[in-house]
């Protein structure tokens, strides 16, 4: 004798999973459950003809039906969880605040300024060194112009002196 089919239901997320099976054990096997959902109060037998029609049409197969609309799901939530996610994220304190780069950026800016100041001072010093080198060359040329005639006069005086000494000696 063929056993009569019964319809069983268990909630799966936002759906109800219906199955037409001869026993609770067969329903648990169809759902792939490894625990007794009936003993835990998570599954039940359904007798409402509107809910049993589709599962009885395909015995042994799990039929999923959406349990309510999105508005009904949101309305069923406790008041503390009905807030939009953005507000919930704003009010939820994070474990650690995100580190800021402020100190690193300030240190880098100070280092960049010191490097820039050094480069500017180095360029200024190089310009002054070049100006001093030009001044040194100009001084050396002026000195050479003054000293050359004086050396010639000294050499002539030296030559006259030596000639006078040679004549005197005899």
N, C-alpha and C. Protein backbone atom coordinates (compact mmCIF):
# COMPACT_ATOMS: atom_id res chain seq x y z
N UNK A 1 0.83 -1.17 0.00
CA UNK A 1 0.00 0.00 0.00
C UNK A 1 0.88 1.24 0.00
N UNK A 2 0.55 2.19 -0.84
CA UNK A 2 1.31 3.43 -0.98
C UNK A 2 0.90 4.36 0.15
N UNK A 3 1.93 4.90 0.78
CA UNK A 3 1.66 5.81 1.91
C UNK A 3 1.19 7.17 1.37
N UNK A 4 0.33 7.80 2.05
CA UNK A 4 -0.18 9.10 1.63
C UNK A 4 0.90 10.16 1.83
N UNK A 5 0.93 11.10 0.92
CA UNK A 5 1.93 12.17 1.01
C UNK A 5 1.44 13.26 1.93
N UNK A 6 2.39 13.80 2.66
CA UNK A 6 2.13 14.96 3.53
C UNK A 6 3.03 16.09 3.03
N UNK A 7 2.63 17.29 3.29
CA UNK A 7 3.45 18.44 2.87
C UNK A 7 4.09 19.05 4.12
N UNK A 8 5.43 19.27 4.00
CA UNK A 8 6.19 19.83 5.10
C UNK A 8 6.86 21.13 4.63
N UNK A 9 7.10 22.03 5.60
CA UNK A 9 7.68 23.34 5.28
C UNK A 9 8.78 23.67 6.29
N UNK A 10 9.87 24.31 5.78
CA UNK A 10 10.92 24.86 6.64
C UNK A 10 11.39 26.18 6.03
N UNK A 11 11.71 27.14 6.87
CA UNK A 11 12.20 28.41 6.33
C UNK A 11 13.67 28.30 5.89
N UNK A 12 13.97 28.88 4.72
CA UNK A 12 15.34 28.94 4.21
C UNK A 12 15.56 30.38 3.78
N UNK A 13 16.15 31.18 4.64
CA UNK A 13 16.36 32.60 4.33
C UNK A 13 15.03 33.30 4.18
N UNK A 14 14.83 33.96 3.04
CA UNK A 14 13.59 34.68 2.78
C UNK A 14 12.58 33.80 2.06
N UNK A 15 12.87 32.51 1.97
CA UNK A 15 11.99 31.57 1.28
C UNK A 15 11.50 30.51 2.27
N UNK A 16 10.42 29.87 1.88
CA UNK A 16 9.97 28.66 2.56
C UNK A 16 10.20 27.51 1.60
N UNK A 17 10.77 26.43 2.12
CA UNK A 17 11.00 25.24 1.29
C UNK A 17 9.92 24.23 1.62
N UNK A 18 9.13 23.89 0.62
CA UNK A 18 8.04 22.92 0.77
C UNK A 18 8.46 21.62 0.10
N UNK A 19 8.02 20.50 0.66
CA UNK A 19 8.26 19.20 0.04
C UNK A 19 7.09 18.28 0.38
N UNK A 20 6.64 17.55 -0.62
CA UNK A 20 5.60 16.53 -0.40
C UNK A 20 6.33 15.21 -0.23
N UNK A 21 6.21 14.61 0.98
CA UNK A 21 6.93 13.36 1.28
C UNK A 21 6.05 12.50 2.17
N UNK A 22 6.33 11.21 2.23
CA UNK A 22 5.50 10.33 3.04
C UNK A 22 5.79 10.46 4.54
N UNK A 23 6.99 10.99 4.91
CA UNK A 23 7.32 11.09 6.34
C UNK A 23 8.24 12.28 6.59
N UNK A 24 8.41 12.57 7.88
CA UNK A 24 9.32 13.65 8.26
C UNK A 24 10.75 13.31 7.83
N UNK A 25 11.13 12.06 8.01
CA UNK A 25 12.48 11.61 7.65
C UNK A 25 12.73 11.83 6.16
N UNK A 26 11.74 11.52 5.33
CA UNK A 26 11.87 11.71 3.89
C UNK A 26 11.95 13.20 3.55
N UNK A 27 11.22 14.05 4.29
CA UNK A 27 11.27 15.50 4.07
C UNK A 27 12.66 16.04 4.42
N UNK A 28 13.21 15.58 5.55
CA UNK A 28 14.55 16.03 5.95
C UNK A 28 15.59 15.62 4.90
N UNK A 29 15.44 14.40 4.35
CA UNK A 29 16.35 13.93 3.31
C UNK A 29 16.22 14.79 2.06
N UNK A 30 15.01 15.19 1.69
CA UNK A 30 14.80 16.02 0.51
C UNK A 30 15.42 17.40 0.69
N UNK A 31 15.37 17.95 1.89
CA UNK A 31 15.96 19.25 2.18
C UNK A 31 17.48 19.17 2.34
N UNK A 32 18.01 17.97 2.53
CA UNK A 32 19.45 17.80 2.75
C UNK A 32 19.85 18.17 4.16
N UNK A 33 18.91 18.09 5.08
CA UNK A 33 19.19 18.45 6.48
C UNK A 33 19.84 17.28 7.19
N UNK A 34 20.85 17.56 8.00
CA UNK A 34 21.47 16.50 8.78
C UNK A 34 21.08 16.58 10.24
N UNK A 35 20.17 17.49 10.59
CA UNK A 35 19.64 17.59 11.95
C UNK A 35 18.12 17.52 11.88
N UNK A 36 17.51 17.14 12.96
CA UNK A 36 16.05 17.03 13.00
C UNK A 36 15.45 18.43 13.18
N UNK A 37 15.05 19.04 12.05
CA UNK A 37 14.48 20.39 12.08
C UNK A 37 13.12 20.41 12.77
N UNK A 38 12.44 19.29 12.76
CA UNK A 38 11.13 19.23 13.41
C UNK A 38 11.30 19.31 14.92
N UNK A 39 12.29 18.62 15.47
CA UNK A 39 12.52 18.64 16.91
C UNK A 39 12.94 20.02 17.38
N UNK A 40 13.63 20.76 16.52
CA UNK A 40 14.09 22.11 16.87
C UNK A 40 13.02 23.17 16.63
N UNK A 41 11.91 22.77 16.07
CA UNK A 41 10.82 23.71 15.80
C UNK A 41 11.05 24.52 14.54
N UNK A 42 11.94 24.08 13.65
CA UNK A 42 12.25 24.80 12.43
C UNK A 42 11.53 24.24 11.21
N UNK A 43 10.75 23.18 11.39
CA UNK A 43 9.98 22.60 10.28
C UNK A 43 8.63 22.17 10.83
N UNK A 44 7.67 22.14 9.91
CA UNK A 44 6.31 21.77 10.34
C UNK A 44 5.55 21.15 9.18
N UNK A 45 4.45 20.48 9.54
CA UNK A 45 3.56 19.92 8.52
C UNK A 45 2.55 21.00 8.15
N UNK A 46 2.22 21.08 6.83
CA UNK A 46 1.30 22.10 6.34
C UNK A 46 0.04 21.41 5.84
N UNK A 47 -1.13 21.98 6.19
CA UNK A 47 -2.40 21.38 5.76
C UNK A 47 -3.22 22.35 4.91
N UNK A 48 -2.81 23.59 4.78
CA UNK A 48 -3.54 24.58 4.00
C UNK A 48 -3.53 24.18 2.52
N UNK A 49 -4.72 23.98 1.91
CA UNK A 49 -4.78 23.53 0.52
C UNK A 49 -4.09 24.48 -0.46
N UNK A 50 -4.08 25.77 -0.20
CA UNK A 50 -3.44 26.72 -1.10
C UNK A 50 -1.92 26.52 -1.09
N UNK A 51 -1.37 26.13 0.06
CA UNK A 51 0.07 25.94 0.18
C UNK A 51 0.52 24.54 -0.22
N UNK A 52 -0.39 23.56 -0.19
CA UNK A 52 -0.01 22.17 -0.49
C UNK A 52 -0.16 21.81 -1.96
N UNK A 53 -0.88 22.62 -2.72
CA UNK A 53 -1.18 22.28 -4.11
C UNK A 53 0.09 22.08 -4.95
N UNK A 54 1.01 23.02 -4.96
CA UNK A 54 2.22 22.93 -5.80
C UNK A 54 3.15 21.80 -5.35
N UNK A 55 3.46 21.63 -4.06
CA UNK A 55 4.33 20.52 -3.66
C UNK A 55 3.73 19.14 -3.97
N UNK A 56 2.41 19.00 -3.85
CA UNK A 56 1.79 17.71 -4.14
C UNK A 56 1.84 17.39 -5.64
N UNK A 57 1.97 18.44 -6.47
CA UNK A 57 2.06 18.22 -7.91
C UNK A 57 3.42 17.63 -8.29
N UNK A 58 4.45 17.87 -7.47
CA UNK A 58 5.78 17.31 -7.76
C UNK A 58 6.35 16.72 -6.47
N UNK A 59 5.91 15.51 -6.10
CA UNK A 59 6.33 14.89 -4.85
C UNK A 59 7.83 14.63 -4.81
N UNK A 60 8.41 14.84 -3.64
CA UNK A 60 9.83 14.57 -3.43
C UNK A 60 10.75 15.73 -3.84
N UNK A 61 10.21 16.70 -4.58
CA UNK A 61 11.02 17.84 -5.02
C UNK A 61 10.79 19.01 -4.07
N UNK A 62 11.85 19.75 -3.80
CA UNK A 62 11.75 20.92 -2.92
C UNK A 62 11.23 22.09 -3.74
N UNK A 63 10.16 22.69 -3.27
CA UNK A 63 9.56 23.85 -3.92
C UNK A 63 9.81 25.06 -3.03
N UNK A 64 10.45 26.08 -3.60
CA UNK A 64 10.75 27.29 -2.82
C UNK A 64 9.74 28.36 -3.17
N UNK A 65 9.23 29.00 -2.14
CA UNK A 65 8.30 30.12 -2.32
C UNK A 65 8.80 31.28 -1.48
N UNK A 66 8.76 32.46 -2.08
CA UNK A 66 9.17 33.65 -1.35
C UNK A 66 8.19 33.88 -0.21
N UNK A 67 8.74 34.12 0.95
CA UNK A 67 7.93 34.33 2.13
C UNK A 67 7.75 35.83 2.33
N UNK A 68 6.74 36.44 1.75
CA UNK A 68 6.45 37.85 1.92
C UNK A 68 7.21 38.72 0.93
N UNK A 69 6.92 40.02 0.97
CA UNK A 69 7.57 40.99 0.10
C UNK A 69 8.73 41.63 0.85
N UNK A 70 9.53 42.42 0.15
CA UNK A 70 10.65 43.10 0.78
C UNK A 70 10.15 44.04 1.87
N UNK A 71 9.05 44.73 1.62
CA UNK A 71 8.49 45.63 2.62
C UNK A 71 8.07 44.86 3.86
N UNK A 72 7.47 43.68 3.67
CA UNK A 72 7.07 42.86 4.82
C UNK A 72 8.29 42.36 5.58
N UNK A 73 9.36 42.01 4.87
CA UNK A 73 10.59 41.57 5.53
C UNK A 73 11.17 42.69 6.37
N UNK A 74 11.22 43.89 5.81
CA UNK A 74 11.77 45.02 6.55
C UNK A 74 10.88 45.39 7.73
N UNK A 75 9.57 45.29 7.54
CA UNK A 75 8.65 45.60 8.63
C UNK A 75 8.76 44.59 9.77
N UNK A 76 9.17 43.37 9.46
CA UNK A 76 9.29 42.33 10.48
C UNK A 76 10.56 42.48 11.31
N UNK A 77 11.49 43.28 10.84
CA UNK A 77 12.74 43.47 11.58
C UNK A 77 12.48 44.27 12.85
N UNK A 78 13.29 44.05 13.88
CA UNK A 78 13.17 44.87 15.09
C UNK A 78 13.50 46.32 14.75
N UNK A 79 12.94 47.27 15.48
CA UNK A 79 13.14 48.69 15.16
C UNK A 79 14.62 49.10 15.10
N UNK A 80 15.48 48.53 15.89
CA UNK A 80 16.88 48.94 15.90
C UNK A 80 17.61 48.55 14.62
N UNK A 81 17.10 47.56 13.87
CA UNK A 81 17.77 47.14 12.64
C UNK A 81 17.09 47.66 11.39
N UNK A 82 16.05 48.45 11.52
CA UNK A 82 15.32 48.95 10.34
C UNK A 82 16.00 50.15 9.70
N UNK A 83 17.00 50.72 10.36
CA UNK A 83 17.67 51.89 9.80
C UNK A 83 18.41 51.50 8.52
N UNK A 84 18.53 52.43 7.61
CA UNK A 84 19.32 52.14 6.41
C UNK A 84 20.76 51.82 6.79
N UNK A 85 21.42 51.08 5.95
CA UNK A 85 22.78 50.62 6.24
C UNK A 85 23.75 51.78 6.42
N UNK A 86 23.61 52.83 5.64
CA UNK A 86 24.55 53.94 5.73
C UNK A 86 24.55 54.53 7.13
N UNK A 87 23.36 54.73 7.72
CA UNK A 87 23.28 55.27 9.07
C UNK A 87 23.82 54.28 10.08
N UNK A 88 23.54 53.01 9.88
CA UNK A 88 24.05 52.00 10.80
C UNK A 88 25.56 51.98 10.77
N UNK A 89 26.15 52.14 9.59
CA UNK A 89 27.60 52.14 9.48
C UNK A 89 28.19 53.39 10.14
N UNK A 90 27.47 54.53 10.06
CA UNK A 90 27.97 55.75 10.69
C UNK A 90 27.98 55.64 12.20
N UNK A 91 26.96 55.00 12.77
CA UNK A 91 26.86 54.95 14.22
C UNK A 91 27.66 53.81 14.81
N UNK A 92 28.02 52.83 14.01
CA UNK A 92 28.78 51.69 14.51
C UNK A 92 30.23 52.10 14.73
N UNK A 93 30.71 52.02 15.96
CA UNK A 93 32.11 52.39 16.17
C UNK A 93 33.04 51.32 15.61
N UNK A 94 34.08 51.75 14.96
CA UNK A 94 35.02 50.79 14.42
C UNK A 94 36.00 50.39 15.50
N UNK A 95 36.59 49.25 15.33
CA UNK A 95 37.52 48.74 16.33
C UNK A 95 38.72 49.67 16.47
N UNK A 96 39.29 50.08 15.36
CA UNK A 96 40.43 50.99 15.38
C UNK A 96 40.18 52.07 14.34
N UNK A 97 40.49 53.31 14.66
CA UNK A 97 40.35 54.34 13.63
C UNK A 97 41.44 54.17 12.59
N UNK A 98 41.11 54.55 11.38
CA UNK A 98 42.07 54.43 10.28
C UNK A 98 43.22 55.40 10.53
N UNK A 99 44.46 54.95 10.38
CA UNK A 99 45.60 55.85 10.60
C UNK A 99 45.59 56.97 9.57
N UNK A 100 46.10 58.14 10.00
CA UNK A 100 46.18 59.28 9.09
C UNK A 100 47.62 59.48 8.66
N UNK A 101 47.78 60.10 7.51
CA UNK A 101 49.10 60.40 6.97
C UNK A 101 49.56 61.79 7.35
N UNK A 102 48.83 62.48 8.23
CA UNK A 102 49.15 63.87 8.55
C UNK A 102 50.59 64.05 9.01
N UNK A 103 51.05 63.24 9.97
CA UNK A 103 52.42 63.37 10.48
C UNK A 103 53.43 63.06 9.38
N UNK A 104 53.16 62.02 8.60
CA UNK A 104 54.07 61.65 7.51
C UNK A 104 54.14 62.76 6.47
N UNK A 105 52.98 63.31 6.10
CA UNK A 105 52.95 64.39 5.11
C UNK A 105 53.67 65.63 5.63
N UNK A 106 53.50 65.97 6.92
CA UNK A 106 54.17 67.13 7.50
C UNK A 106 55.68 66.92 7.51
N UNK A 107 56.13 65.72 7.88
CA UNK A 107 57.56 65.42 7.90
C UNK A 107 58.14 65.49 6.50
N UNK A 108 57.41 64.96 5.51
CA UNK A 108 57.88 65.01 4.13
C UNK A 108 57.95 66.44 3.62
N UNK A 109 56.95 67.27 3.99
CA UNK A 109 56.95 68.67 3.57
C UNK A 109 58.14 69.41 4.18
N UNK A 110 58.45 69.14 5.46
CA UNK A 110 59.59 69.77 6.11
C UNK A 110 60.89 69.35 5.44
N UNK A 111 61.00 68.08 5.11
CA UNK A 111 62.20 67.58 4.42
C UNK A 111 62.33 68.22 3.04
N UNK A 112 61.22 68.30 2.31
CA UNK A 112 61.25 68.92 0.98
C UNK A 112 61.66 70.39 1.06
N UNK A 113 61.17 71.11 2.09
CA UNK A 113 61.52 72.53 2.26
C UNK A 113 63.00 72.66 2.58
N UNK A 114 63.52 71.80 3.47
CA UNK A 114 64.95 71.85 3.81
C UNK A 114 65.81 71.58 2.57
N UNK A 115 65.43 70.61 1.76
CA UNK A 115 66.17 70.32 0.52
C UNK A 115 66.11 71.51 -0.44
N UNK A 116 64.94 72.11 -0.57
CA UNK A 116 64.77 73.26 -1.46
C UNK A 116 65.61 74.44 -0.96
N UNK A 117 65.59 74.71 0.35
CA UNK A 117 66.39 75.80 0.91
C UNK A 117 67.88 75.55 0.68
N UNK A 118 68.31 74.31 0.87
CA UNK A 118 69.72 73.97 0.66
C UNK A 118 70.10 74.17 -0.80
N UNK A 119 69.25 73.71 -1.71
CA UNK A 119 69.54 73.87 -3.13
C UNK A 119 69.65 75.36 -3.51
N UNK A 120 68.75 76.18 -2.97
CA UNK A 120 68.78 77.62 -3.28
C UNK A 120 70.06 78.24 -2.73
N UNK A 121 70.43 77.91 -1.49
CA UNK A 121 71.65 78.45 -0.90
C UNK A 121 72.88 77.97 -1.65
N UNK A 122 72.85 76.72 -2.09
CA UNK A 122 73.98 76.18 -2.85
C UNK A 122 74.13 76.90 -4.20
N UNK A 123 73.01 77.17 -4.86
CA UNK A 123 73.07 77.91 -6.13
C UNK A 123 73.60 79.33 -5.90
N UNK A 124 73.14 79.98 -4.82
CA UNK A 124 73.60 81.33 -4.50
C UNK A 124 75.11 81.33 -4.22
N UNK A 125 75.57 80.34 -3.47
CA UNK A 125 77.00 80.23 -3.17
C UNK A 125 77.81 79.98 -4.44
N UNK A 126 77.30 79.13 -5.33
CA UNK A 126 77.98 78.87 -6.60
C UNK A 126 78.06 80.15 -7.43
N UNK A 127 77.00 80.95 -7.42
CA UNK A 127 77.02 82.22 -8.15
C UNK A 127 78.06 83.16 -7.55
N UNK A 128 78.13 83.22 -6.21
CA UNK A 128 79.13 84.08 -5.55
C UNK A 128 80.54 83.58 -5.84
N UNK A 129 80.73 82.26 -5.86
CA UNK A 129 82.05 81.70 -6.17
C UNK A 129 82.46 82.08 -7.60
N UNK A 130 81.52 81.99 -8.53
CA UNK A 130 81.82 82.36 -9.92
C UNK A 130 82.16 83.83 -10.01
N UNK A 131 81.44 84.67 -9.28
CA UNK A 131 81.72 86.12 -9.29
C UNK A 131 83.09 86.38 -8.70
N UNK A 132 83.45 85.70 -7.61
CA UNK A 132 84.77 85.86 -7.00
C UNK A 132 85.87 85.39 -7.95
N UNK A 133 85.62 84.30 -8.68
CA UNK A 133 86.60 83.82 -9.65
C UNK A 133 86.82 84.85 -10.75
N UNK A 134 85.75 85.48 -11.24
CA UNK A 134 85.88 86.53 -12.25
C UNK A 134 86.66 87.72 -11.68
N UNK A 135 86.33 88.07 -10.45
CA UNK A 135 87.01 89.18 -9.79
C UNK A 135 88.50 88.87 -9.63
N UNK A 136 88.82 87.61 -9.27
CA UNK A 136 90.22 87.18 -9.10
C UNK A 136 90.96 87.29 -10.45
N UNK A 137 90.33 86.85 -11.54
CA UNK A 137 90.97 86.93 -12.85
C UNK A 137 91.20 88.39 -13.25
N UNK A 138 90.23 89.26 -12.98
CA UNK A 138 90.37 90.68 -13.31
C UNK A 138 91.50 91.29 -12.48
N UNK A 139 91.59 90.93 -11.20
CA UNK A 139 92.64 91.43 -10.32
C UNK A 139 94.01 90.97 -10.82
N UNK A 140 94.10 89.69 -11.22
CA UNK A 140 95.36 89.16 -11.73
C UNK A 140 95.78 89.86 -13.02
N UNK A 141 94.84 90.17 -13.92
CA UNK A 141 95.17 90.88 -15.16
C UNK A 141 95.65 92.30 -14.86
N UNK A 142 94.95 92.99 -13.94
CA UNK A 142 95.35 94.35 -13.56
C UNK A 142 96.74 94.34 -12.92
N UNK A 143 97.00 93.36 -12.08
CA UNK A 143 98.31 93.23 -11.43
C UNK A 143 99.40 93.00 -12.47
N UNK A 144 99.09 92.13 -13.44
CA UNK A 144 100.08 91.85 -14.49
C UNK A 144 100.39 93.12 -15.29
N UNK A 145 99.39 93.95 -15.55
CA UNK A 145 99.62 95.19 -16.30
C UNK A 145 100.48 96.17 -15.50
N UNK A 146 100.33 96.20 -14.19
CA UNK A 146 101.10 97.11 -13.34
C UNK A 146 102.52 96.57 -13.14
N UNK A 147 102.65 95.28 -12.91
CA UNK A 147 103.93 94.67 -12.55
C UNK A 147 104.87 94.56 -13.75
N UNK A 148 104.37 94.32 -14.93
CA UNK A 148 105.22 94.10 -16.11
C UNK A 148 106.17 95.29 -16.34
N UNK A 149 105.70 96.55 -16.40
CA UNK A 149 106.65 97.66 -16.60
C UNK A 149 107.63 97.82 -15.44
N UNK A 150 107.13 97.51 -14.21
CA UNK A 150 108.00 97.64 -13.05
C UNK A 150 109.12 96.60 -13.09
N UNK A 151 108.80 95.39 -13.52
CA UNK A 151 109.82 94.35 -13.64
C UNK A 151 110.85 94.72 -14.70
N UNK A 152 110.36 95.31 -15.82
CA UNK A 152 111.29 95.74 -16.86
C UNK A 152 112.24 96.82 -16.33
N UNK A 153 111.70 97.75 -15.56
CA UNK A 153 112.52 98.83 -14.98
C UNK A 153 113.53 98.25 -14.00
N UNK A 154 113.12 97.27 -13.19
CA UNK A 154 114.03 96.63 -12.25
C UNK A 154 115.13 95.88 -13.00
N UNK A 155 114.73 95.13 -14.05
CA UNK A 155 115.71 94.37 -14.82
C UNK A 155 116.75 95.31 -15.46
N UNK A 156 116.29 96.45 -15.96
CA UNK A 156 117.21 97.43 -16.55
C UNK A 156 118.14 98.01 -15.49
N UNK A 157 117.56 98.29 -14.31
CA UNK A 157 118.38 98.83 -13.22
C UNK A 157 119.39 97.79 -12.75
N UNK A 158 119.00 96.53 -12.71
CA UNK A 158 119.88 95.43 -12.31
C UNK A 158 121.02 95.31 -13.33
N UNK A 159 120.67 95.40 -14.60
CA UNK A 159 121.70 95.28 -15.65
C UNK A 159 122.69 96.44 -15.52
N UNK A 160 122.25 97.66 -15.28
CA UNK A 160 123.13 98.81 -15.13
C UNK A 160 124.01 98.64 -13.88
N UNK A 161 123.42 98.13 -12.81
CA UNK A 161 124.17 97.92 -11.57
C UNK A 161 125.28 96.90 -11.79
N UNK A 162 124.98 95.80 -12.44
CA UNK A 162 125.97 94.75 -12.67
C UNK A 162 127.10 95.30 -13.57
N UNK A 163 126.68 96.06 -14.55
CA UNK A 163 127.71 96.63 -15.44
C UNK A 163 128.61 97.59 -14.65
N UNK A 164 128.03 98.38 -13.77
CA UNK A 164 128.81 99.31 -12.95
C UNK A 164 129.70 98.56 -11.99
N UNK A 165 129.25 97.44 -11.43
CA UNK A 165 130.04 96.63 -10.49
C UNK A 165 131.20 95.99 -11.23
N UNK A 166 130.90 95.48 -12.45
CA UNK A 166 131.96 94.84 -13.24
C UNK A 166 133.04 95.90 -13.58
N UNK A 167 132.63 97.10 -13.91
CA UNK A 167 133.57 98.15 -14.27
C UNK A 167 134.36 98.57 -13.01
N UNK A 168 133.80 98.61 -11.95
CA UNK A 168 134.43 99.02 -10.71
C UNK A 168 135.44 97.97 -10.27
N UNK A 169 135.19 96.69 -10.43
CA UNK A 169 136.06 95.60 -10.02
C UNK A 169 137.23 95.52 -10.98
N UNK A 170 136.94 95.87 -12.02
CA UNK A 170 137.88 95.95 -12.90
C UNK A 170 138.60 95.70 -13.99
